[in-house]
Amino acid sequence: MANQTQQSGDTTAALLDCIKLCLQCANECIDQQPDMKDCIKLCNLCADTCVVCLKCTSTGLAQTKGICNTCADVCDACAVECDKGQAGIMRQCADACRRCASACRQMATA
């Protein structure tokens, strides 16, 4: 049980970090790189998906595993898109998305 509690805490931290960096990345891209529409869209979708996943992880419902897998897939796609950019926030966002995807996949298999 303690391991599962630690895993839940790690996932929560990864989700919160991903939400924060995705929103920052989207906002910076809007302000400085308006031609990055796919990045902006994916960052916003990723942040929204992470919020839903965060809500689900505390419920213990069976649907949580599916949501976590979906969140991981969206995070992976966002990381790939953000890796295309040169801005520091984009690299930070991509790293946070990869960490979040890994944490969500672990949560889905727990």
PDB file of N, CA and C in Angstrom:
ATOM      1  N   MET A   1       0.824  -1.196   0.000  1.00  0.00           N
ATOM      2  CA  MET A   1       0.000   0.000   0.000  1.00  0.00           C
ATOM      3  C   MET A   1       0.865   1.256   0.000  1.00  0.00           C
ATOM      4  N   ALA A   2       1.978   1.240   0.761  1.00  0.00           N
ATOM      5  CA  ALA A   2       2.853   2.405   0.817  1.00  0.00           C
ATOM      6  C   ALA A   2       3.456   2.686  -0.557  1.00  0.00           C
ATOM      7  N   ASN A   3       3.816   1.633  -1.297  1.00  0.00           N
ATOM      8  CA  ASN A   3       4.378   1.805  -2.632  1.00  0.00           C
ATOM      9  C   ASN A   3       3.354   2.442  -3.567  1.00  0.00           C
ATOM     10  N   GLN A   4       2.092   2.011  -3.452  1.00  0.00           N
ATOM     11  CA  GLN A   4       1.037   2.564  -4.292  1.00  0.00           C
ATOM     12  C   GLN A   4       0.786   4.032  -3.932  1.00  0.00           C
ATOM     13  N   THR A   5       0.859   4.362  -2.660  1.00  0.00           N
ATOM     14  CA  THR A   5       0.691   5.743  -2.218  1.00  0.00           C
ATOM     15  C   THR A   5       1.824   6.611  -2.762  1.00  0.00           C
ATOM     16  N   GLN A   6       3.059   6.097  -2.718  1.00  0.00           N
ATOM     17  CA  GLN A   6       4.207   6.825  -3.267  1.00  0.00           C
ATOM     18  C   GLN A   6       4.045   7.015  -4.766  1.00  0.00           C
ATOM     19  N   GLN A   7       3.597   5.957  -5.456  1.00  0.00           N
ATOM     20  CA  GLN A   7       3.394   6.042  -6.903  1.00  0.00           C
ATOM     21  C   GLN A   7       2.327   7.082  -7.230  1.00  0.00           C
ATOM     22  N   SER A   8       1.253   7.104  -6.455  1.00  0.00           N
ATOM     23  CA  SER A   8       0.197   8.093  -6.668  1.00  0.00           C
ATOM     24  C   SER A   8       0.732   9.504  -6.469  1.00  0.00           C
ATOM     25  N   GLY A   9       1.551   9.699  -5.456  1.00  0.00           N
ATOM     26  CA  GLY A   9       2.159  11.010  -5.208  1.00  0.00           C
ATOM     27  C   GLY A   9       3.096  11.422  -6.324  1.00  0.00           C
ATOM     28  N   ASP A  10       3.882  10.476  -6.835  1.00  0.00           N
ATOM     29  CA  ASP A  10       4.784  10.759  -7.947  1.00  0.00           C
ATOM     30  C   ASP A  10       3.996  11.129  -9.205  1.00  0.00           C
ATOM     31  N   THR A  11       2.903  10.406  -9.443  1.00  0.00           N
ATOM     32  CA  THR A  11       2.064  10.691 -10.611  1.00  0.00           C
ATOM     33  C   THR A  11       1.428  12.065 -10.480  1.00  0.00           C
ATOM     34  N   THR A  12       0.938  12.386  -9.303  1.00  0.00           N
ATOM     35  CA  THR A  12       0.340  13.703  -9.072  1.00  0.00           C
ATOM     36  C   THR A  12       1.352  14.807  -9.345  1.00  0.00           C
ATOM     37  N   ALA A  13       2.558  14.643  -8.845  1.00  0.00           N
ATOM     38  CA  ALA A  13       3.603  15.647  -9.065  1.00  0.00           C
ATOM     39  C   ALA A  13       3.929  15.785 -10.552  1.00  0.00           C
ATOM     40  N   ALA A  14       4.021  14.660 -11.249  1.00  0.00           N
ATOM     41  CA  ALA A  14       4.321  14.688 -12.689  1.00  0.00           C
ATOM     42  C   ALA A  14       3.189  15.357 -13.467  1.00  0.00           C
ATOM     43  N   LEU A  15       1.951  15.053 -13.095  1.00  0.00           N
ATOM     44  CA  LEU A  15       0.801  15.669 -13.762  1.00  0.00           C
ATOM     45  C   LEU A  15       0.779  17.178 -13.548  1.00  0.00           C
ATOM     46  N   LEU A  16       0.990  17.613 -12.322  1.00  0.00           N
ATOM     47  CA  LEU A  16       0.977  19.050 -12.020  1.00  0.00           C
ATOM     48  C   LEU A  16       2.093  19.789 -12.756  1.00  0.00           C
ATOM     49  N   ASP A  17       3.269  19.185 -12.790  1.00  0.00           N
ATOM     50  CA  ASP A  17       4.392  19.795 -13.500  1.00  0.00           C
ATOM     51  C   ASP A  17       4.101  19.886 -14.994  1.00  0.00           C
ATOM     52  N   CYS A  18       3.512  18.845 -15.542  1.00  0.00           N
ATOM     53  CA  CYS A  18       3.177  18.821 -16.964  1.00  0.00           C
ATOM     54  C   CYS A  18       2.125  19.884 -17.294  1.00  0.00           C
ATOM     55  N   ILE A  19       1.114  19.989 -16.462  1.00  0.00           N
ATOM     56  CA  ILE A  19       0.080  21.007 -16.674  1.00  0.00           C
ATOM     57  C   ILE A  19       0.714  22.394 -16.710  1.00  0.00           C
ATOM     58  N   LYS A  20       1.532  22.686 -15.713  1.00  0.00           N
ATOM     59  CA  LYS A  20       2.165  24.005 -15.596  1.00  0.00           C
ATOM     60  C   LYS A  20       3.036  24.307 -16.817  1.00  0.00           C
ATOM     61  N   LEU A  21       3.882  23.366 -17.203  1.00  0.00           N
ATOM     62  CA  LEU A  21       4.804  23.627 -18.311  1.00  0.00           C
ATOM     63  C   LEU A  21       4.096  23.649 -19.660  1.00  0.00           C
ATOM     64  N   CYS A  22       3.056  22.841 -19.828  1.00  0.00           N
ATOM     65  CA  CYS A  22       2.292  22.890 -21.080  1.00  0.00           C
ATOM     66  C   CYS A  22       1.609  24.238 -21.251  1.00  0.00           C
ATOM     67  N   LEU A  23       1.028  24.751 -20.180  1.00  0.00           N
ATOM     68  CA  LEU A  23       0.371  26.061 -20.264  1.00  0.00           C
ATOM     69  C   LEU A  23       1.387  27.172 -20.516  1.00  0.00           C
ATOM     70  N   GLN A  24       2.541  27.084 -19.863  1.00  0.00           N
ATOM     71  CA  GLN A  24       3.587  28.078 -20.091  1.00  0.00           C
ATOM     72  C   GLN A  24       4.095  28.014 -21.534  1.00  0.00           C
ATOM     73  N   CYS A  25       4.286  26.803 -22.032  1.00  0.00           N
ATOM     74  CA  CYS A  25       4.778  26.619 -23.397  1.00  0.00           C
ATOM     75  C   CYS A  25       3.773  27.172 -24.405  1.00  0.00           C
ATOM     76  N   ALA A  26       2.514  26.837 -24.237  1.00  0.00           N
ATOM     77  CA  ALA A  26       1.482  27.326 -25.158  1.00  0.00           C
ATOM     78  C   ALA A  26       1.437  28.850 -25.149  1.00  0.00           C
ATOM     79  N   ASN A  27       1.484  29.439 -23.975  1.00  0.00           N
ATOM     80  CA  ASN A  27       1.432  30.901 -23.872  1.00  0.00           C
ATOM     81  C   ASN A  27       2.658  31.556 -24.499  1.00  0.00           C
ATOM     82  N   GLU A  28       3.825  30.977 -24.272  1.00  0.00           N
ATOM     83  CA  GLU A  28       5.036  31.548 -24.860  1.00  0.00           C
ATOM     84  C   GLU A  28       5.022  31.403 -26.380  1.00  0.00           C
ATOM     85  N   CYS A  29       4.535  30.278 -26.864  1.00  0.00           N
ATOM     86  CA  CYS A  29       4.462  30.079 -28.312  1.00  0.00           C
ATOM     87  C   CYS A  29       3.472  31.056 -28.953  1.00  0.00           C
ATOM     88  N   ILE A  30       2.374  31.320 -28.272  1.00  0.00           N
ATOM     89  CA  ILE A  30       1.403  32.291 -28.789  1.00  0.00           C
ATOM     90  C   ILE A  30       2.047  33.672 -28.870  1.00  0.00           C
ATOM     91  N   ASP A  31       2.778  34.044 -27.830  1.00  0.00           N
ATOM     92  CA  ASP A  31       3.377  35.373 -27.770  1.00  0.00           C
ATOM     93  C   ASP A  31       4.579  35.534 -28.700  1.00  0.00           C
ATOM     94  N   GLN A  32       5.399  34.487 -28.822  1.00  0.00           N
ATOM     95  CA  GLN A  32       6.662  34.642 -29.531  1.00  0.00           C
ATOM     96  C   GLN A  32       6.761  33.849 -30.828  1.00  0.00           C
ATOM     97  N   GLN A  33       5.958  32.817 -30.956  1.00  0.00           N
ATOM     98  CA  GLN A  33       6.065  31.958 -32.126  1.00  0.00           C
ATOM     99  C   GLN A  33       4.677  31.560 -32.613  1.00  0.00           C
ATOM    100  N   PRO A  34       3.912  32.505 -33.114  1.00  0.00           N
ATOM    101  CA  PRO A  34       2.520  32.217 -33.469  1.00  0.00           C
ATOM    102  C   PRO A  34       2.364  31.162 -34.570  1.00  0.00           C
ATOM    103  N   ASP A  35       3.429  30.857 -35.295  1.00  0.00           N
ATOM    104  CA  ASP A  35       3.345  29.834 -36.338  1.00  0.00           C
ATOM    105  C   ASP A  35       3.412  28.417 -35.764  1.00  0.00           C
ATOM    106  N   MET A  36       3.488  28.294 -34.469  1.00  0.00           N
ATOM    107  CA  MET A  36       3.589  26.990 -33.802  1.00  0.00           C
ATOM    108  C   MET A  36       2.206  26.476 -33.391  1.00  0.00           C
ATOM    109  N   LYS A  37       1.250  26.525 -34.301  1.00  0.00           N
ATOM    110  CA  LYS A  37      -0.131  26.201 -33.947  1.00  0.00           C
ATOM    111  C   LYS A  37      -0.298  24.767 -33.452  1.00  0.00           C
ATOM    112  N   ASP A  38       0.411  23.802 -34.033  1.00  0.00           N
ATOM    113  CA  ASP A  38       0.266  22.423 -33.565  1.00  0.00           C
ATOM    114  C   ASP A  38       0.796  22.263 -32.147  1.00  0.00           C
ATOM    115  N   CYS A  39       1.888  22.933 -31.852  1.00  0.00           N
ATOM    116  CA  CYS A  39       2.458  22.892 -30.500  1.00  0.00           C
ATOM    117  C   CYS A  39       1.479  23.508 -29.499  1.00  0.00           C
ATOM    118  N   ILE A  40       0.933  24.642 -29.855  1.00  0.00           N
ATOM    119  CA  ILE A  40      -0.017  25.329 -28.971  1.00  0.00           C
ATOM    120  C   ILE A  40      -1.233  24.448 -28.705  1.00  0.00           C
ATOM    121  N   LYS A  41      -1.773  23.875 -29.767  1.00  0.00           N
ATOM    122  CA  LYS A  41      -2.954  23.011 -29.623  1.00  0.00           C
ATOM    123  C   LYS A  41      -2.639  21.789 -28.778  1.00  0.00           C
ATOM    124  N   LEU A  42      -1.504  21.143 -29.039  1.00  0.00           N
ATOM    125  CA  LEU A  42      -1.157  19.943 -28.269  1.00  0.00           C
ATOM    126  C   LEU A  42      -0.864  20.266 -26.815  1.00  0.00           C
ATOM    127  N   CYS A  43      -0.200  21.381 -26.566  1.00  0.00           N
ATOM    128  CA  CYS A  43       0.073  21.768 -25.175  1.00  0.00           C
ATOM    129  C   CYS A  43      -1.226  22.008 -24.415  1.00  0.00           C
ATOM    130  N   ASN A  44      -2.173  22.680 -25.041  1.00  0.00           N
ATOM    131  CA  ASN A  44      -3.458  22.922 -24.380  1.00  0.00           C
ATOM    132  C   ASN A  44      -4.222  21.621 -24.170  1.00  0.00           C
ATOM    133  N   LEU A  45      -4.223  20.743 -25.170  1.00  0.00           N
ATOM    134  CA  LEU A  45      -4.881  19.446 -25.026  1.00  0.00           C
ATOM    135  C   LEU A  45      -4.208  18.610 -23.937  1.00  0.00           C
ATOM    136  N   CYS A  46      -2.898  18.638 -23.915  1.00  0.00           N
ATOM    137  CA  CYS A  46      -2.154  17.874 -22.912  1.00  0.00           C
ATOM    138  C   CYS A  46      -2.479  18.372 -21.501  1.00  0.00           C
ATOM    139  N   ALA A  47      -2.476  19.684 -21.321  1.00  0.00           N
ATOM    140  CA  ALA A  47      -2.801  20.237 -20.003  1.00  0.00           C
ATOM    141  C   ALA A  47      -4.202  19.825 -19.580  1.00  0.00           C
ATOM    142  N   ASP A  48      -5.157  19.914 -20.494  1.00  0.00           N
ATOM    143  CA  ASP A  48      -6.542  19.525 -20.176  1.00  0.00           C
ATOM    144  C   ASP A  48      -6.645  18.039 -19.847  1.00  0.00           C
ATOM    145  N   THR A  49      -5.941  17.211 -20.608  1.00  0.00           N
ATOM    146  CA  THR A  49      -5.975  15.766 -20.374  1.00  0.00           C
ATOM    147  C   THR A  49      -5.349  15.431 -19.023  1.00  0.00           C
ATOM    148  N   CYS A  50      -4.283  16.130 -18.683  1.00  0.00           N
ATOM    149  CA  CYS A  50      -3.638  15.911 -17.384  1.00  0.00           C
ATOM    150  C   CYS A  50      -4.559  16.293 -16.229  1.00  0.00           C
ATOM    151  N   VAL A  51      -5.350  17.341 -16.405  1.00  0.00           N
ATOM    152  CA  VAL A  51      -6.307  17.741 -15.358  1.00  0.00           C
ATOM    153  C   VAL A  51      -7.328  16.621 -15.143  1.00  0.00           C
ATOM    154  N   VAL A  52      -7.854  16.074 -16.228  1.00  0.00           N
ATOM    155  CA  VAL A  52      -8.823  14.977 -16.117  1.00  0.00           C
ATOM    156  C   VAL A  52      -8.166  13.768 -15.448  1.00  0.00           C
ATOM    157  N   CYS A  53      -6.955  13.462 -15.867  1.00  0.00           N
ATOM    158  CA  CYS A  53      -6.240  12.323 -15.277  1.00  0.00           C
ATOM    159  C   CYS A  53      -6.002  12.543 -13.787  1.00  0.00           C
ATOM    160  N   LEU A  54      -5.617  13.751 -13.423  1.00  0.00           N
ATOM    161  CA  LEU A  54      -5.388  14.083 -12.020  1.00  0.00           C
ATOM    162  C   LEU A  54      -6.650  13.861 -11.196  1.00  0.00           C
ATOM    163  N   LYS A  55      -7.789  14.274 -11.730  1.00  0.00           N
ATOM    164  CA  LYS A  55      -9.059  14.067 -11.037  1.00  0.00           C
ATOM    165  C   LYS A  55      -9.349  12.570 -10.877  1.00  0.00           C
ATOM    166  N   CYS A  56      -9.044  11.804 -11.891  1.00  0.00           N
ATOM    167  CA  CYS A  56      -9.352  10.365 -11.859  1.00  0.00           C
ATOM    168  C   CYS A  56      -8.452   9.582 -10.914  1.00  0.00           C
ATOM    169  N   THR A  57      -7.198   9.999 -10.786  1.00  0.00           N
ATOM    170  CA  THR A  57      -6.258   9.207  -9.979  1.00  0.00           C
ATOM    171  C   THR A  57      -6.657   9.141  -8.508  1.00  0.00           C
ATOM    172  N   SER A  58      -7.432  10.071  -8.060  1.00  0.00           N
ATOM    173  CA  SER A  58      -7.836  10.054  -6.653  1.00  0.00           C
ATOM    174  C   SER A  58      -9.132   9.279  -6.423  1.00  0.00           C
ATOM    175  N   THR A  59      -9.777   8.814  -7.488  1.00  0.00           N
ATOM    176  CA  THR A  59     -11.073   8.159  -7.333  1.00  0.00           C
ATOM    177  C   THR A  59     -10.992   6.661  -7.092  1.00  0.00           C
ATOM    178  N   GLY A  60      -9.975   6.016  -7.642  1.00  0.00           N
ATOM    179  CA  GLY A  60      -9.883   4.571  -7.536  1.00  0.00           C
ATOM    180  C   GLY A  60     -10.850   3.842  -8.458  1.00  0.00           C
ATOM    181  N   LEU A  61     -11.495   4.554  -9.358  1.00  0.00           N
ATOM    182  CA  LEU A  61     -12.440   3.936 -10.284  1.00  0.00           C
ATOM    183  C   LEU A  61     -11.710   3.158 -11.369  1.00  0.00           C
ATOM    184  N   ALA A  62     -12.369   2.160 -11.911  1.00  0.00           N
ATOM    185  CA  ALA A  62     -11.769   1.322 -12.948  1.00  0.00           C
ATOM    186  C   ALA A  62     -11.405   2.129 -14.193  1.00  0.00           C
ATOM    187  N   GLN A  63     -12.121   3.192 -14.474  1.00  0.00           N
ATOM    188  CA  GLN A  63     -11.872   4.010 -15.662  1.00  0.00           C
ATOM    189  C   GLN A  63     -10.539   4.755 -15.592  1.00  0.00           C
ATOM    190  N   THR A  64      -9.970   4.848 -14.417  1.00  0.00           N
ATOM    191  CA  THR A  64      -8.718   5.581 -14.242  1.00  0.00           C
ATOM    192  C   THR A  64      -7.614   5.019 -15.126  1.00  0.00           C
ATOM    193  N   LYS A  65      -7.534   3.706 -15.251  1.00  0.00           N
ATOM    194  CA  LYS A  65      -6.462   3.110 -16.055  1.00  0.00           C
ATOM    195  C   LYS A  65      -6.546   3.565 -17.505  1.00  0.00           C
ATOM    196  N   GLY A  66      -7.741   3.599 -18.064  1.00  0.00           N
ATOM    197  CA  GLY A  66      -7.908   4.050 -19.438  1.00  0.00           C
ATOM    198  C   GLY A  66      -7.552   5.511 -19.609  1.00  0.00           C
ATOM    199  N   ILE A  67      -7.966   6.326 -18.646  1.00  0.00           N
ATOM    200  CA  ILE A  67      -7.651   7.754 -18.687  1.00  0.00           C
ATOM    201  C   ILE A  67      -6.141   7.955 -18.589  1.00  0.00           C
ATOM    202  N   CYS A  68      -5.500   7.196 -17.712  1.00  0.00           N
ATOM    203  CA  CYS A  68      -4.041   7.311 -17.572  1.00  0.00           C
ATOM    204  C   CYS A  68      -3.332   6.918 -18.864  1.00  0.00           C
ATOM    205  N   ASN A  69      -3.791   5.873 -19.515  1.00  0.00           N
ATOM    206  CA  ASN A  69      -3.184   5.480 -20.794  1.00  0.00           C
ATOM    207  C   ASN A  69      -3.388   6.546 -21.851  1.00  0.00           C
ATOM    208  N   THR A  70      -4.581   7.115 -21.910  1.00  0.00           N
ATOM    209  CA  THR A  70      -4.857   8.182 -22.873  1.00  0.00           C
ATOM    210  C   THR A  70      -3.982   9.395 -22.580  1.00  0.00           C
ATOM    211  N   CYS A  71      -3.873   9.742 -21.327  1.00  0.00           N
ATOM    212  CA  CYS A  71      -3.042  10.876 -20.930  1.00  0.00           C
ATOM    213  C   CYS A  71      -1.593  10.632 -21.364  1.00  0.00           C
ATOM    214  N   ALA A  72      -1.097   9.430 -21.161  1.00  0.00           N
ATOM    215  CA  ALA A  72       0.275   9.098 -21.566  1.00  0.00           C
ATOM    216  C   ALA A  72       0.453   9.272 -23.072  1.00  0.00           C
ATOM    217  N   ASP A  73      -0.529   8.839 -23.843  1.00  0.00           N
ATOM    218  CA  ASP A  73      -0.450   8.982 -25.306  1.00  0.00           C
ATOM    219  C   ASP A  73      -0.427  10.450 -25.724  1.00  0.00           C
ATOM    220  N   VAL A  74      -1.267  11.270 -25.096  1.00  0.00           N
ATOM    221  CA  VAL A  74      -1.298  12.699 -25.416  1.00  0.00           C
ATOM    222  C   VAL A  74       0.018  13.354 -24.994  1.00  0.00           C
ATOM    223  N   CYS A  75       0.529  12.986 -23.834  1.00  0.00           N
ATOM    224  CA  CYS A  75       1.812  13.530 -23.366  1.00  0.00           C
ATOM    225  C   CYS A  75       2.939  13.173 -24.332  1.00  0.00           C
ATOM    226  N   ASP A  76       2.943  11.938 -24.827  1.00  0.00           N
ATOM    227  CA  ASP A  76       3.972  11.533 -25.797  1.00  0.00           C
ATOM    228  C   ASP A  76       3.896  12.380 -27.062  1.00  0.00           C
ATOM    229  N   ALA A  77       2.684  12.593 -27.567  1.00  0.00           N
ATOM    230  CA  ALA A  77       2.506  13.398 -28.777  1.00  0.00           C
ATOM    231  C   ALA A  77       2.956  14.843 -28.543  1.00  0.00           C
ATOM    232  N   CYS A  78       2.647  15.371 -27.395  1.00  0.00           N
ATOM    233  CA  CYS A  78       3.044  16.743 -27.061  1.00  0.00           C
ATOM    234  C   CYS A  78       4.572  16.839 -26.959  1.00  0.00           C
ATOM    235  N   ALA A  79       5.194  15.853 -26.357  1.00  0.00           N
ATOM    236  CA  ALA A  79       6.656  15.852 -26.236  1.00  0.00           C
ATOM    237  C   ALA A  79       7.313  15.850 -27.615  1.00  0.00           C
ATOM    238  N   VAL A  80       6.804  15.046 -28.521  1.00  0.00           N
ATOM    239  CA  VAL A  80       7.356  14.984 -29.878  1.00  0.00           C
ATOM    240  C   VAL A  80       7.235  16.348 -30.554  1.00  0.00           C
ATOM    241  N   GLU A  81       6.082  16.971 -30.412  1.00  0.00           N
ATOM    242  CA  GLU A  81       5.871  18.278 -31.044  1.00  0.00           C
ATOM    243  C   GLU A  81       6.768  19.342 -30.421  1.00  0.00           C
ATOM    244  N   CYS A  82       6.871  19.356 -29.113  1.00  0.00           N
ATOM    245  CA  CYS A  82       7.698  20.361 -28.440  1.00  0.00           C
ATOM    246  C   CYS A  82       9.186  20.157 -28.722  1.00  0.00           C
ATOM    247  N   ASP A  83       9.593  18.924 -28.980  1.00  0.00           N
ATOM    248  CA  ASP A  83      10.989  18.657 -29.327  1.00  0.00           C
ATOM    249  C   ASP A  83      11.392  19.300 -30.651  1.00  0.00           C
ATOM    250  N   LYS A  84      10.425  19.681 -31.468  1.00  0.00           N
ATOM    251  CA  LYS A  84      10.708  20.307 -32.755  1.00  0.00           C
ATOM    252  C   LYS A  84      11.168  21.754 -32.599  1.00  0.00           C
ATOM    253  N   GLY A  85      10.868  22.354 -31.471  1.00  0.00           N
ATOM    254  CA  GLY A  85      11.197  23.756 -31.257  1.00  0.00           C
ATOM    255  C   GLY A  85      12.549  23.950 -30.606  1.00  0.00           C
ATOM    256  N   GLN A  86      13.014  25.176 -30.632  1.00  0.00           N
ATOM    257  CA  GLN A  86      14.317  25.526 -30.068  1.00  0.00           C
ATOM    258  C   GLN A  86      14.220  26.252 -28.732  1.00  0.00           C
ATOM    259  N   ALA A  87      13.046  26.774 -28.420  1.00  0.00           N
ATOM    260  CA  ALA A  87      12.879  27.558 -27.193  1.00  0.00           C
ATOM    261  C   ALA A  87      13.079  26.686 -25.957  1.00  0.00           C
ATOM    262  N   GLY A  88      13.681  27.283 -24.929  1.00  0.00           N
ATOM    263  CA  GLY A  88      13.941  26.544 -23.695  1.00  0.00           C
ATOM    264  C   GLY A  88      12.684  25.981 -23.066  1.00  0.00           C
ATOM    265  N   ILE A  89      11.600  26.746 -23.093  1.00  0.00           N
ATOM    266  CA  ILE A  89      10.352  26.274 -22.491  1.00  0.00           C
ATOM    267  C   ILE A  89       9.833  25.053 -23.232  1.00  0.00           C
ATOM    268  N   MET A  90      10.086  24.992 -24.529  1.00  0.00           N
ATOM    269  CA  MET A  90       9.624  23.838 -25.303  1.00  0.00           C
ATOM    270  C   MET A  90      10.372  22.574 -24.885  1.00  0.00           C
ATOM    271  N   ARG A  91      11.653  22.703 -24.624  1.00  0.00           N
ATOM    272  CA  ARG A  91      12.457  21.552 -24.161  1.00  0.00           C
ATOM    273  C   ARG A  91      11.996  21.122 -22.762  1.00  0.00           C
ATOM    274  N   GLN A  92      11.752  22.109 -21.907  1.00  0.00           N
ATOM    275  CA  GLN A  92      11.271  21.793 -20.559  1.00  0.00           C
ATOM    276  C   GLN A  92       9.917  21.098 -20.623  1.00  0.00           C
ATOM    277  N   CYS A  93       9.057  21.584 -21.496  1.00  0.00           N
ATOM    278  CA  CYS A  93       7.728  21.004 -21.646  1.00  0.00           C
ATOM    279  C   CYS A  93       7.831  19.565 -22.155  1.00  0.00           C
ATOM    280  N   ALA A  94       8.671  19.354 -23.154  1.00  0.00           N
ATOM    281  CA  ALA A  94       8.848  18.002 -23.702  1.00  0.00           C
ATOM    282  C   ALA A  94       9.333  17.037 -22.621  1.00  0.00           C
ATOM    283  N   ASP A  95      10.281  17.472 -21.815  1.00  0.00           N
ATOM    284  CA  ASP A  95      10.790  16.624 -20.725  1.00  0.00           C
ATOM    285  C   ASP A  95       9.701  16.318 -19.709  1.00  0.00           C
ATOM    286  N   ALA A  96       8.923  17.333 -19.339  1.00  0.00           N
ATOM    287  CA  ALA A  96       7.824  17.132 -18.381  1.00  0.00           C
ATOM    288  C   ALA A  96       6.778  16.186 -18.954  1.00  0.00           C
ATOM    289  N   CYS A  97       6.496  16.309 -20.236  1.00  0.00           N
ATOM    290  CA  CYS A  97       5.522  15.422 -20.878  1.00  0.00           C
ATOM    291  C   CYS A  97       6.001  13.975 -20.860  1.00  0.00           C
ATOM    292  N   ARG A  98       7.295  13.764 -21.110  1.00  0.00           N
ATOM    293  CA  ARG A  98       7.826  12.388 -21.081  1.00  0.00           C
ATOM    294  C   ARG A  98       7.761  11.803 -19.668  1.00  0.00           C
ATOM    295  N   ARG A  99       8.109  12.617 -18.674  1.00  0.00           N
ATOM    296  CA  ARG A  99       8.023  12.141 -17.280  1.00  0.00           C
ATOM    297  C   ARG A  99       6.572  11.813 -16.921  1.00  0.00           C
ATOM    298  N   CYS A 100       5.655  12.659 -17.346  1.00  0.00           N
ATOM    299  CA  CYS A 100       4.241  12.458 -17.051  1.00  0.00           C
ATOM    300  C   CYS A 100       3.720  11.201 -17.753  1.00  0.00           C
ATOM    301  N   ALA A 101       4.103  11.007 -19.001  1.00  0.00           N
ATOM    302  CA  ALA A 101       3.676   9.817 -19.739  1.00  0.00           C
ATOM    303  C   ALA A 101       4.139   8.550 -19.028  1.00  0.00           C
ATOM    304  N   SER A 102       5.373   8.556 -18.568  1.00  0.00           N
ATOM    305  CA  SER A 102       5.914   7.395 -17.855  1.00  0.00           C
ATOM    306  C   SER A 102       5.153   7.145 -16.548  1.00  0.00           C
ATOM    307  N   ALA A 103       4.903   8.212 -15.795  1.00  0.00           N
ATOM    308  CA  ALA A 103       4.178   8.078 -14.528  1.00  0.00           C
ATOM    309  C   ALA A 103       2.750   7.581 -14.754  1.00  0.00           C
ATOM    310  N   CYS A 104       2.112   8.089 -15.799  1.00  0.00           N
ATOM    311  CA  CYS A 104       0.730   7.671 -16.088  1.00  0.00           C
ATOM    312  C   CYS A 104       0.669   6.205 -16.513  1.00  0.00           C
ATOM    313  N   ARG A 105       1.650   5.779 -17.298  1.00  0.00           N
ATOM    314  CA  ARG A 105       1.675   4.364 -17.698  1.00  0.00           C
ATOM    315  C   ARG A 105       1.887   3.455 -16.493  1.00  0.00           C
ATOM    316  N   GLN A 106       2.733   3.876 -15.574  1.00  0.00           N
ATOM    317  CA  GLN A 106       2.929   3.088 -14.345  1.00  0.00           C
ATOM    318  C   GLN A 106       1.652   3.039 -13.531  1.00  0.00           C
ATOM    319  N   MET A 107       0.949   4.149 -13.448  1.00  0.00           N
ATOM    320  CA  MET A 107      -0.308   4.198 -12.703  1.00  0.00           C
ATOM    321  C   MET A 107      -1.345   3.293 -13.364  1.00  0.00           C
ATOM    322  N   ALA A 108      -1.335   3.244 -14.681  1.00  0.00           N
ATOM    323  CA  ALA A 108      -2.311   2.428 -15.409  1.00  0.00           C
ATOM    324  C   ALA A 108      -2.098   0.936 -15.193  1.00  0.00           C
ATOM    325  N   THR A 109      -0.881   0.547 -14.893  1.00  0.00           N
ATOM    326  CA  THR A 109      -0.581  -0.871 -14.690  1.00  0.00           C
ATOM    327  C   THR A 109      -0.592  -1.281 -13.229  1.00  0.00           C
ATOM    328  N   ALA A 110      -0.789  -0.310 -12.340  1.00  0.00           N
ATOM    329  CA  ALA A 110      -0.774  -0.617 -10.896  1.00  0.00           C
ATOM    330  C   ALA A 110      -2.017  -1.375 -10.474  1.00  0.00           C
TER     331      ALA A 110
END
